[in-house]
All heavy atoms as atom14 arrays in JSON, in Angstrom:
{
  "sequence": "PNTVHEGRIYQLKLFCGKDYPDKPPSVKFQTRINMSCVNLETGA",
  "atom14_mask": [
    [1, 1, 1, 1, 1, 1, 1, 0, 0, 0, 0, 0, 0, 0],
    [1, 1, 1, 1, 1, 1, 1, 1, 0, 0, 0, 0, 0, 0],
    [1, 1, 1, 1, 1, 1, 1, 0, 0, 0, 0, 0, 0, 0],
    [1, 1, 1, 1, 1, 1, 1, 0, 0, 0, 0, 0, 0, 0],
    [1, 1, 1, 1, 1, 1, 1, 1, 1, 1, 0, 0, 0, 0],
    [1, 1, 1, 1, 1, 1, 1, 1, 1, 0, 0, 0, 0, 0],
    [1, 1, 1, 1, 0, 0, 0, 0, 0, 0, 0, 0, 0, 0],
    [1, 1, 1, 1, 1, 1, 1, 1, 1, 1, 1, 0, 0, 0],
    [1, 1, 1, 1, 1, 1, 1, 1, 0, 0, 0, 0, 0, 0],
    [1, 1, 1, 1, 1, 1, 1, 1, 1, 1, 1, 1, 0, 0],
    [1, 1, 1, 1, 1, 1, 1, 1, 1, 0, 0, 0, 0, 0],
    [1, 1, 1, 1, 1, 1, 1, 1, 0, 0, 0, 0, 0, 0],
    [1, 1, 1, 1, 1, 1, 1, 1, 1, 0, 0, 0, 0, 0],
    [1, 1, 1, 1, 1, 1, 1, 1, 0, 0, 0, 0, 0, 0],
    [1, 1, 1, 1, 1, 1, 1, 1, 1, 1, 1, 0, 0, 0],
    [1, 1, 1, 1, 1, 1, 0, 0, 0, 0, 0, 0, 0, 0],
    [1, 1, 1, 1, 0, 0, 0, 0, 0, 0, 0, 0, 0, 0],
    [1, 1, 1, 1, 1, 1, 1, 1, 1, 0, 0, 0, 0, 0],
    [1, 1, 1, 1, 1, 1, 1, 1, 0, 0, 0, 0, 0, 0],
    [1, 1, 1, 1, 1, 1, 1, 1, 1, 1, 1, 1, 0, 0],
    [1, 1, 1, 1, 1, 1, 1, 0, 0, 0, 0, 0, 0, 0],
    [1, 1, 1, 1, 1, 1, 1, 1, 0, 0, 0, 0, 0, 0],
    [1, 1, 1, 1, 1, 1, 1, 1, 1, 0, 0, 0, 0, 0],
    [1, 1, 1, 1, 1, 1, 1, 0, 0, 0, 0, 0, 0, 0],
    [1, 1, 1, 1, 1, 1, 1, 0, 0, 0, 0, 0, 0, 0],
    [1, 1, 1, 1, 1, 1, 0, 0, 0, 0, 0, 0, 0, 0],
    [1, 1, 1, 1, 1, 1, 1, 0, 0, 0, 0, 0, 0, 0],
    [1, 1, 1, 1, 1, 1, 1, 1, 1, 0, 0, 0, 0, 0],
    [1, 1, 1, 1, 1, 1, 1, 1, 1, 1, 1, 0, 0, 0],
    [1, 1, 1, 1, 1, 1, 1, 1, 1, 0, 0, 0, 0, 0],
    [1, 1, 1, 1, 1, 1, 1, 0, 0, 0, 0, 0, 0, 0],
    [1, 1, 1, 1, 1, 1, 1, 1, 1, 1, 1, 0, 0, 0],
    [1, 1, 1, 1, 1, 1, 1, 1, 0, 0, 0, 0, 0, 0],
    [1, 1, 1, 1, 1, 1, 1, 1, 0, 0, 0, 0, 0, 0],
    [1, 1, 1, 1, 1, 1, 1, 1, 0, 0, 0, 0, 0, 0],
    [1, 1, 1, 1, 1, 1, 0, 0, 0, 0, 0, 0, 0, 0],
    [1, 1, 1, 1, 1, 1, 0, 0, 0, 0, 0, 0, 0, 0],
    [1, 1, 1, 1, 1, 1, 1, 0, 0, 0, 0, 0, 0, 0],
    [1, 1, 1, 1, 1, 1, 1, 1, 0, 0, 0, 0, 0, 0],
    [1, 1, 1, 1, 1, 1, 1, 1, 0, 0, 0, 0, 0, 0],
    [1, 1, 1, 1, 1, 1, 1, 1, 1, 0, 0, 0, 0, 0],
    [1, 1, 1, 1, 1, 1, 1, 0, 0, 0, 0, 0, 0, 0],
    [1, 1, 1, 1, 0, 0, 0, 0, 0, 0, 0, 0, 0, 0],
    [1, 1, 1, 1, 1, 0, 0, 0, 0, 0, 0, 0, 0, 0]
  ],
  "atom14_positions": [
    [[-16.94, -17.14, -18.1], [-16.61, -18.5, -18.53], [-16.05, -18.53, -19.96], [-16.27, -17.6, -20.73], [-17.94, -19.25, -18.45], [-19.0, -18.21, -18.35], [-18.35, -16.97, -17.82], [0.0, 0.0, 0.0], [0.0, 0.0, 0.0], [0.0, 0.0, 0.0], [0.0, 0.0, 0.0], [0.0, 0.0, 0.0], [0.0, 0.0, 0.0], [0.0, 0.0, 0.0]],
    [[-15.33, -19.59, -20.27], [-14.75, -19.8, -21.6], [-13.74, -18.73, -21.99], [-13.58, -18.41, -23.15], [-15.84, -19.91, -22.68], [-16.88, -20.96, -22.31], [-16.53, -22.05, -21.85], [-18.14, -20.62, -22.47], [0.0, 0.0, 0.0], [0.0, 0.0, 0.0], [0.0, 0.0, 0.0], [0.0, 0.0, 0.0], [0.0, 0.0, 0.0], [0.0, 0.0, 0.0]],
    [[-13.1, -18.15, -20.97], [-12.01, -17.2, -21.22], [-10.9, -17.56, -20.24], [-11.11, -18.36, -19.32], [-12.43, -15.73, -20.93], [-12.62, -15.58, -19.51], [-13.71, -15.34, -21.67], [0.0, 0.0, 0.0], [0.0, 0.0, 0.0], [0.0, 0.0, 0.0], [0.0, 0.0, 0.0], [0.0, 0.0, 0.0], [0.0, 0.0, 0.0], [0.0, 0.0, 0.0]],
    [[-9.72, -16.95, -20.42], [-8.62, -17.18, -19.47], [-8.97, -16.63, -18.09], [-8.31, -16.94, -17.1], [-7.3, -16.54, -19.95], [-6.77, -17.25, -21.18], [-7.46, -15.05, -20.22], [0.0, 0.0, 0.0], [0.0, 0.0, 0.0], [0.0, 0.0, 0.0], [0.0, 0.0, 0.0], [0.0, 0.0, 0.0], [0.0, 0.0, 0.0], [0.0, 0.0, 0.0]],
    [[-10.02, -15.81, -18.02], [-10.41, -15.18, -16.76], [-11.36, -16.04, -15.93], [-11.66, -15.7, -14.79], [-11.08, -13.83, -17.04], [-10.26, -12.94, -17.91], [-9.13, -12.28, -17.45], [-10.37, -12.62, -19.21], [-8.6, -11.59, -18.45], [-9.33, -11.77, -19.52], [0.0, 0.0, 0.0], [0.0, 0.0, 0.0], [0.0, 0.0, 0.0], [0.0, 0.0, 0.0]],
    [[-11.83, -17.13, -16.51], [-12.81, -17.99, -15.84], [-12.3, -18.42, -14.47], [-11.14, -18.78, -14.3], [-13.09, -19.23, -16.7], [-14.18, -20.1, -16.12], [-14.67, -21.16, -17.11], [-14.07, -21.34, -18.17], [-15.67, -21.81, -16.78], [0.0, 0.0, 0.0], [0.0, 0.0, 0.0], [0.0, 0.0, 0.0], [0.0, 0.0, 0.0], [0.0, 0.0, 0.0]],
    [[-13.18, -18.33, -13.47], [-12.82, -18.78, -12.12], [-12.01, -17.78, -11.32], [-11.69, -18.01, -10.17], [0.0, 0.0, 0.0], [0.0, 0.0, 0.0], [0.0, 0.0, 0.0], [0.0, 0.0, 0.0], [0.0, 0.0, 0.0], [0.0, 0.0, 0.0], [0.0, 0.0, 0.0], [0.0, 0.0, 0.0], [0.0, 0.0, 0.0], [0.0, 0.0, 0.0]],
    [[-11.65, -16.67, -11.93], [-10.88, -15.65, -11.2], [-11.82, -14.56, -10.72], [-12.83, -14.26, -11.35], [-9.82, -15.01, -12.1], [-8.66, -15.93, -12.4], [-7.58, -15.2, -13.17], [-6.39, -16.03, -13.26], [-5.15, -15.55, -13.26], [-4.93, -14.26, -13.21], [-4.13, -16.37, -13.34], [0.0, 0.0, 0.0], [0.0, 0.0, 0.0], [0.0, 0.0, 0.0]],
    [[-11.46, -13.97, -9.59], [-12.23, -12.86, -9.05], [-11.33, -11.63, -9.08], [-10.24, -11.65, -8.52], [-12.73, -13.16, -7.62], [-13.68, -14.36, -7.65], [-13.41, -11.93, -7.02], [-14.11, -14.84, -6.28], [0.0, 0.0, 0.0], [0.0, 0.0, 0.0], [0.0, 0.0, 0.0], [0.0, 0.0, 0.0], [0.0, 0.0, 0.0], [0.0, 0.0, 0.0]],
    [[-11.81, -10.61, -9.77], [-11.02, -9.39, -9.92], [-11.57, -8.28, -9.03], [-12.77, -8.0, -9.07], [-11.03, -8.93, -11.38], [-10.34, -9.91, -12.29], [-11.08, -10.85, -13.01], [-8.96, -9.92, -12.41], [-10.45, -11.76, -13.83], [-8.32, -10.84, -13.23], [-9.07, -11.76, -13.94], [-8.45, -12.67, -14.75], [0.0, 0.0, 0.0], [0.0, 0.0, 0.0]],
    [[-10.69, -7.69, -8.23], [-11.06, -6.55, -7.38], [-10.59, -5.27, -8.05], [-9.48, -5.23, -8.57], [-10.38, -6.67, -6.0], [-10.78, -7.87, -5.2], [-12.2, -7.76, -4.66], [-12.73, -6.66, -4.5], [-12.82, -8.88, -4.39], [0.0, 0.0, 0.0], [0.0, 0.0, 0.0], [0.0, 0.0, 0.0], [0.0, 0.0, 0.0], [0.0, 0.0, 0.0]],
    [[-11.46, -4.26, -8.01], [-11.12, -2.97, -8.61], [-11.39, -1.86, -7.62], [-12.22, -2.0, -6.73], [-11.96, -2.7, -9.86], [-11.87, -3.65, -11.03], [-12.85, -4.79, -10.88], [-12.13, -2.92, -12.31], [0.0, 0.0, 0.0], [0.0, 0.0, 0.0], [0.0, 0.0, 0.0], [0.0, 0.0, 0.0], [0.0, 0.0, 0.0], [0.0, 0.0, 0.0]],
    [[-10.69, -0.75, -7.81], [-10.96, 0.48, -7.05], [-11.49, 1.49, -8.04], [-10.93, 1.66, -9.12], [-9.68, 1.04, -6.44], [-9.14, 0.21, -5.3], [-9.72, 0.68, -4.0], [-9.14, -0.08, -2.84], [-10.13, -0.72, -2.02], [0.0, 0.0, 0.0], [0.0, 0.0, 0.0], [0.0, 0.0, 0.0], [0.0, 0.0, 0.0], [0.0, 0.0, 0.0]],
    [[-12.58, 2.15, -7.66], [-13.12, 3.22, -8.48], [-13.11, 4.47, -7.61], [-13.5, 4.42, -6.44], [-14.55, 2.9, -8.92], [-14.68, 1.66, -9.81], [-15.15, 0.47, -9.0], [-15.62, 1.93, -10.96], [0.0, 0.0, 0.0], [0.0, 0.0, 0.0], [0.0, 0.0, 0.0], [0.0, 0.0, 0.0], [0.0, 0.0, 0.0], [0.0, 0.0, 0.0]],
    [[-12.64, 5.55, -8.19], [-12.57, 6.79, -7.43], [-13.38, 7.85, -8.16], [-13.07, 8.22, -9.29], [-11.12, 7.24, -7.25], [-11.01, 8.46, -6.37], [-11.0, 8.32, -4.98], [-10.93, 9.73, -6.92], [-10.91, 9.44, -4.16], [-10.84, 10.86, -6.11], [-10.83, 10.71, -4.72], [0.0, 0.0, 0.0], [0.0, 0.0, 0.0], [0.0, 0.0, 0.0]],
    [[-14.46, 8.3, -7.51], [-15.34, 9.32, -8.09], [-14.95, 10.67, -7.52], [-15.29, 10.98, -6.37], [-16.8, 9.02, -7.75], [-17.35, 7.45, -8.41], [0.0, 0.0, 0.0], [0.0, 0.0, 0.0], [0.0, 0.0, 0.0], [0.0, 0.0, 0.0], [0.0, 0.0, 0.0], [0.0, 0.0, 0.0], [0.0, 0.0, 0.0], [0.0, 0.0, 0.0]],
    [[-14.24, 11.45, -8.29], [-13.83, 12.78, -7.84], [-15.03, 13.71, -7.72], [-16.16, 13.33, -8.0], [0.0, 0.0, 0.0], [0.0, 0.0, 0.0], [0.0, 0.0, 0.0], [0.0, 0.0, 0.0], [0.0, 0.0, 0.0], [0.0, 0.0, 0.0], [0.0, 0.0, 0.0], [0.0, 0.0, 0.0], [0.0, 0.0, 0.0], [0.0, 0.0, 0.0]],
    [[-14.75, 14.95, -7.34], [-15.86, 15.89, -7.1], [-16.63, 16.21, -8.38], [-17.75, 16.7, -8.31], [-15.35, 17.14, -6.4], [-14.34, 17.94, -7.2], [-13.84, 19.13, -6.38], [-12.87, 20.04, -7.06], [-12.24, 19.64, -8.29], [0.0, 0.0, 0.0], [0.0, 0.0, 0.0], [0.0, 0.0, 0.0], [0.0, 0.0, 0.0], [0.0, 0.0, 0.0]],
    [[-16.05, 15.95, -9.55], [-16.73, 16.24, -10.82], [-17.56, 15.08, -11.35], [-18.18, 15.19, -12.4], [-15.71, 16.65, -11.89], [-15.04, 17.97, -11.53], [-15.7, 18.82, -10.9], [-13.86, 18.14, -11.86], [0.0, 0.0, 0.0], [0.0, 0.0, 0.0], [0.0, 0.0, 0.0], [0.0, 0.0, 0.0], [0.0, 0.0, 0.0], [0.0, 0.0, 0.0]],
    [[-17.53, 13.95, -10.63], [-18.38, 12.82, -11.04], [-19.84, 13.22, -10.81], [-20.12, 13.86, -9.8], [-18.02, 11.58, -10.21], [-18.82, 10.35, -10.58], [-18.42, 9.56, -11.64], [-19.98, 10.01, -9.9], [-19.16, 8.43, -12.0], [-20.72, 8.9, -10.25], [-20.31, 8.11, -11.31], [-21.03, 7.03, -11.68], [0.0, 0.0, 0.0], [0.0, 0.0, 0.0]],
    [[-20.79, 12.89, -11.66], [-20.71, 12.07, -12.87], [-20.43, 12.84, -14.16], [-20.52, 12.28, -15.24], [-22.12, 11.45, -12.93], [-23.01, 12.5, -12.35], [-22.17, 13.2, -11.3], [0.0, 0.0, 0.0], [0.0, 0.0, 0.0], [0.0, 0.0, 0.0], [0.0, 0.0, 0.0], [0.0, 0.0, 0.0], [0.0, 0.0, 0.0], [0.0, 0.0, 0.0]],
    [[-20.05, 14.12, -14.06], [-19.7, 14.86, -15.28], [-18.4, 14.36, -15.87], [-18.18, 14.41, -17.07], [-19.64, 16.36, -14.99], [-21.0, 16.91, -14.6], [-21.99, 16.59, -15.28], [-21.08, 17.63, -13.59], [0.0, 0.0, 0.0], [0.0, 0.0, 0.0], [0.0, 0.0, 0.0], [0.0, 0.0, 0.0], [0.0, 0.0, 0.0], [0.0, 0.0, 0.0]],
    [[-17.51, 13.9, -15.0], [-16.24, 13.32, -15.44], [-16.21, 11.88, -14.94], [-16.76, 11.58, -13.88], [-15.08, 14.1, -14.85], [-15.04, 15.55, -15.29], [-13.64, 15.97, -15.65], [-13.6, 17.26, -16.44], [-13.95, 18.42, -15.62], [0.0, 0.0, 0.0], [0.0, 0.0, 0.0], [0.0, 0.0, 0.0], [0.0, 0.0, 0.0], [0.0, 0.0, 0.0]],
    [[-15.56, 11.0, -15.69], [-15.56, 9.58, -15.28], [-14.73, 9.36, -14.02], [-13.85, 10.15, -13.71], [-14.9, 8.88, -16.47], [-14.03, 9.92, -17.11], [-14.76, 11.23, -16.9], [0.0, 0.0, 0.0], [0.0, 0.0, 0.0], [0.0, 0.0, 0.0], [0.0, 0.0, 0.0], [0.0, 0.0, 0.0], [0.0, 0.0, 0.0], [0.0, 0.0, 0.0]],
    [[-15.04, 8.27, -13.31], [-14.19, 7.91, -12.17], [-12.87, 7.36, -12.69], [-12.77, 6.96, -13.85], [-14.99, 6.81, -11.48], [-15.81, 6.19, -12.56], [-16.11, 7.29, -13.54], [0.0, 0.0, 0.0], [0.0, 0.0, 0.0], [0.0, 0.0, 0.0], [0.0, 0.0, 0.0], [0.0, 0.0, 0.0], [0.0, 0.0, 0.0], [0.0, 0.0, 0.0]],
    [[-11.85, 7.36, -11.83], [-10.64, 6.63, -12.21], [-10.89, 5.18, -11.8], [-11.53, 4.91, -10.78], [-9.41, 7.21, -11.53], [-9.54, 7.11, -10.14], [0.0, 0.0, 0.0], [0.0, 0.0, 0.0], [0.0, 0.0, 0.0], [0.0, 0.0, 0.0], [0.0, 0.0, 0.0], [0.0, 0.0, 0.0], [0.0, 0.0, 0.0], [0.0, 0.0, 0.0]],
    [[-10.43, 4.26, -12.62], [-10.7, 2.85, -12.41], [-9.36, 2.11, -12.42], [-8.54, 2.3, -13.31], [-11.61, 2.28, -13.53], [-11.95, 0.83, -13.26], [-12.88, 3.12, -13.66], [0.0, 0.0, 0.0], [0.0, 0.0, 0.0], [0.0, 0.0, 0.0], [0.0, 0.0, 0.0], [0.0, 0.0, 0.0], [0.0, 0.0, 0.0], [0.0, 0.0, 0.0]],
    [[-9.16, 1.27, -11.41], [-7.89, 0.58, -11.27], [-8.12, -0.84, -10.77], [-8.84, -1.04, -9.79], [-7.06, 1.38, -10.26], [-5.64, 0.96, -10.15], [-4.91, 1.93, -9.22], [-3.47, 1.55, -9.12], [-2.71, 2.47, -8.3], [0.0, 0.0, 0.0], [0.0, 0.0, 0.0], [0.0, 0.0, 0.0], [0.0, 0.0, 0.0], [0.0, 0.0, 0.0]],
    [[-7.53, -1.81, -11.45], [-7.59, -3.19, -10.97], [-6.63, -3.36, -9.81], [-5.46, -3.01, -9.92], [-7.2, -4.17, -12.1], [-8.31, -4.51, -13.04], [-8.6, -3.69, -14.13], [-9.09, -5.65, -12.84], [-9.63, -4.0, -15.0], [-10.13, -5.96, -13.71], [-10.4, -5.14, -14.8], [0.0, 0.0, 0.0], [0.0, 0.0, 0.0], [0.0, 0.0, 0.0]],
    [[-7.13, -3.92, -8.7], [-6.28, -4.28, -7.56], [-5.66, -5.65, -7.84], [-4.54, -5.93, -7.44], [-7.08, -4.35, -6.27], [-7.79, -3.09, -5.89], [-6.82, -2.01, -5.46], [-6.45, -1.16, -6.25], [-6.42, -2.04, -4.22], [0.0, 0.0, 0.0], [0.0, 0.0, 0.0], [0.0, 0.0, 0.0], [0.0, 0.0, 0.0], [0.0, 0.0, 0.0]],
    [[-6.44, -6.5, -8.49], [-5.99, -7.83, -8.88], [-5.21, -7.68, -10.17], [-5.65, -6.97, -11.08], [-7.21, -8.75, -9.14], [-8.13, -8.63, -8.05], [-6.78, -10.2, -9.3], [0.0, 0.0, 0.0], [0.0, 0.0, 0.0], [0.0, 0.0, 0.0], [0.0, 0.0, 0.0], [0.0, 0.0, 0.0], [0.0, 0.0, 0.0], [0.0, 0.0, 0.0]],
    [[-4.07, -8.36, -10.26], [-3.29, -8.25, -11.49], [-4.05, -8.88, -12.64], [-4.65, -9.95, -12.5], [-1.92, -8.92, -11.3], [-1.1, -8.16, -10.27], [0.32, -8.61, -10.21], [0.9, -8.61, -11.55], [2.0, -9.29, -11.89], [2.61, -10.01, -11.0], [2.47, -9.25, -13.11], [0.0, 0.0, 0.0], [0.0, 0.0, 0.0], [0.0, 0.0, 0.0]],
    [[-4.04, -8.2, -13.79], [-4.74, -8.7, -14.96], [-4.02, -8.22, -16.21], [-3.44, -7.13, -16.22], [-6.22, -8.22, -14.98], [-7.0, -8.88, -16.12], [-6.3, -6.7, -15.06], [-8.5, -8.65, -16.07], [0.0, 0.0, 0.0], [0.0, 0.0, 0.0], [0.0, 0.0, 0.0], [0.0, 0.0, 0.0], [0.0, 0.0, 0.0], [0.0, 0.0, 0.0]],
    [[-4.02, -9.06, -17.23], [-3.47, -8.68, -18.51], [-4.65, -8.46, -19.45], [-5.35, -9.39, -19.81], [-2.56, -9.8, -19.04], [-1.86, -9.42, -20.33], [-1.91, -8.27, -20.76], [-1.21, -10.39, -20.93], [0.0, 0.0, 0.0], [0.0, 0.0, 0.0], [0.0, 0.0, 0.0], [0.0, 0.0, 0.0], [0.0, 0.0, 0.0], [0.0, 0.0, 0.0]],
    [[-4.89, -7.19, -19.8], [-6.0, -6.8, -20.68], [-5.55, -5.63, -21.52], [-4.77, -4.79, -21.04], [-7.19, -6.36, -19.81], [-8.41, -7.21, -19.92], [-9.67, -6.64, -18.74], [-10.84, -5.92, -19.87], [0.0, 0.0, 0.0], [0.0, 0.0, 0.0], [0.0, 0.0, 0.0], [0.0, 0.0, 0.0], [0.0, 0.0, 0.0], [0.0, 0.0, 0.0]],
    [[-6.08, -5.52, -22.73], [-5.62, -4.48, -23.65], [-5.84, -3.05, -23.14], [-5.13, -2.15, -23.54], [-6.29, -4.66, -25.01], [-7.7, -4.64, -24.87], [0.0, 0.0, 0.0], [0.0, 0.0, 0.0], [0.0, 0.0, 0.0], [0.0, 0.0, 0.0], [0.0, 0.0, 0.0], [0.0, 0.0, 0.0], [0.0, 0.0, 0.0], [0.0, 0.0, 0.0]],
    [[-6.8, -2.85, -22.23], [-7.08, -1.48, -21.76], [-6.47, -1.18, -20.39], [-6.7, -0.12, -19.83], [-8.59, -1.23, -21.73], [-9.47, -2.29, -20.56], [0.0, 0.0, 0.0], [0.0, 0.0, 0.0], [0.0, 0.0, 0.0], [0.0, 0.0, 0.0], [0.0, 0.0, 0.0], [0.0, 0.0, 0.0], [0.0, 0.0, 0.0], [0.0, 0.0, 0.0]],
    [[-5.7, -2.14, -19.85], [-5.17, -1.99, -18.48], [-3.66, -1.85, -18.5], [-2.96, -2.61, -19.15], [-5.58, -3.21, -17.6], [-5.0, -3.09, -16.2], [-7.09, -3.33, -17.54], [0.0, 0.0, 0.0], [0.0, 0.0, 0.0], [0.0, 0.0, 0.0], [0.0, 0.0, 0.0], [0.0, 0.0, 0.0], [0.0, 0.0, 0.0], [0.0, 0.0, 0.0]],
    [[-3.16, -0.86, -17.78], [-1.73, -0.66, -17.62], [-1.18, -1.79, -16.73], [-1.6, -1.91, -15.58], [-1.48, 0.71, -16.98], [-0.02, 1.0, -16.75], [0.73, 0.15, -16.29], [0.37, 2.21, -17.06], [0.0, 0.0, 0.0], [0.0, 0.0, 0.0], [0.0, 0.0, 0.0], [0.0, 0.0, 0.0], [0.0, 0.0, 0.0], [0.0, 0.0, 0.0]],
    [[-0.28, -2.6, -17.29], [0.23, -3.77, -16.55], [0.97, -3.38, -15.27], [0.96, -4.11, -14.3], [1.15, -4.6, -17.44], [0.49, -5.73, -18.21], [1.49, -6.41, -19.14], [-0.15, -6.75, -17.28], [0.0, 0.0, 0.0], [0.0, 0.0, 0.0], [0.0, 0.0, 0.0], [0.0, 0.0, 0.0], [0.0, 0.0, 0.0], [0.0, 0.0, 0.0]],
    [[1.65, -2.22, -15.29], [2.42, -1.78, -14.13], [1.5, -1.35, -12.98], [1.7, -1.74, -11.84], [3.3, -0.57, -14.5], [4.38, -0.89, -15.53], [5.41, -1.86, -14.98], [6.03, -1.53, -13.94], [5.58, -2.93, -15.57], [0.0, 0.0, 0.0], [0.0, 0.0, 0.0], [0.0, 0.0, 0.0], [0.0, 0.0, 0.0], [0.0, 0.0, 0.0]],
    [[0.51, -0.51, -13.3], [-0.29, 0.14, -12.26], [-1.67, -0.48, -12.05], [-2.31, -0.25, -11.03], [-0.51, 1.62, -12.59], [-1.3, 1.69, -13.79], [0.81, 2.35, -12.8], [0.0, 0.0, 0.0], [0.0, 0.0, 0.0], [0.0, 0.0, 0.0], [0.0, 0.0, 0.0], [0.0, 0.0, 0.0], [0.0, 0.0, 0.0], [0.0, 0.0, 0.0]],
    [[-2.16, -1.23, -13.05], [-3.51, -1.78, -12.97], [-4.58, -0.78, -13.4], [-5.76, -1.1, -13.4], [0.0, 0.0, 0.0], [0.0, 0.0, 0.0], [0.0, 0.0, 0.0], [0.0, 0.0, 0.0], [0.0, 0.0, 0.0], [0.0, 0.0, 0.0], [0.0, 0.0, 0.0], [0.0, 0.0, 0.0], [0.0, 0.0, 0.0], [0.0, 0.0, 0.0]],
    [[-4.16, 0.43, -13.76], [-5.13, 1.46, -14.14], [-5.77, 1.13, -15.49], [-5.09, 0.69, -16.42], [-4.45, 2.82, -14.21], [0.0, 0.0, 0.0], [0.0, 0.0, 0.0], [0.0, 0.0, 0.0], [0.0, 0.0, 0.0], [0.0, 0.0, 0.0], [0.0, 0.0, 0.0], [0.0, 0.0, 0.0], [0.0, 0.0, 0.0], [0.0, 0.0, 0.0]]
  ]
}
C-alpha cells in the first residue's frame, strides 16, 4: 500500500539450480514491473 504497486499482483519465477542453496536462485518477474533492481527487457 501507499506505493505505485498498490493493488497489483506480481508473479515471479524462481529457479533453484543444482547448487542451491549454496548459490542463489535466479529470480525473474513474469509481471512487468519498473524497479531499480529489475531488467526492464527481461524482468530478471
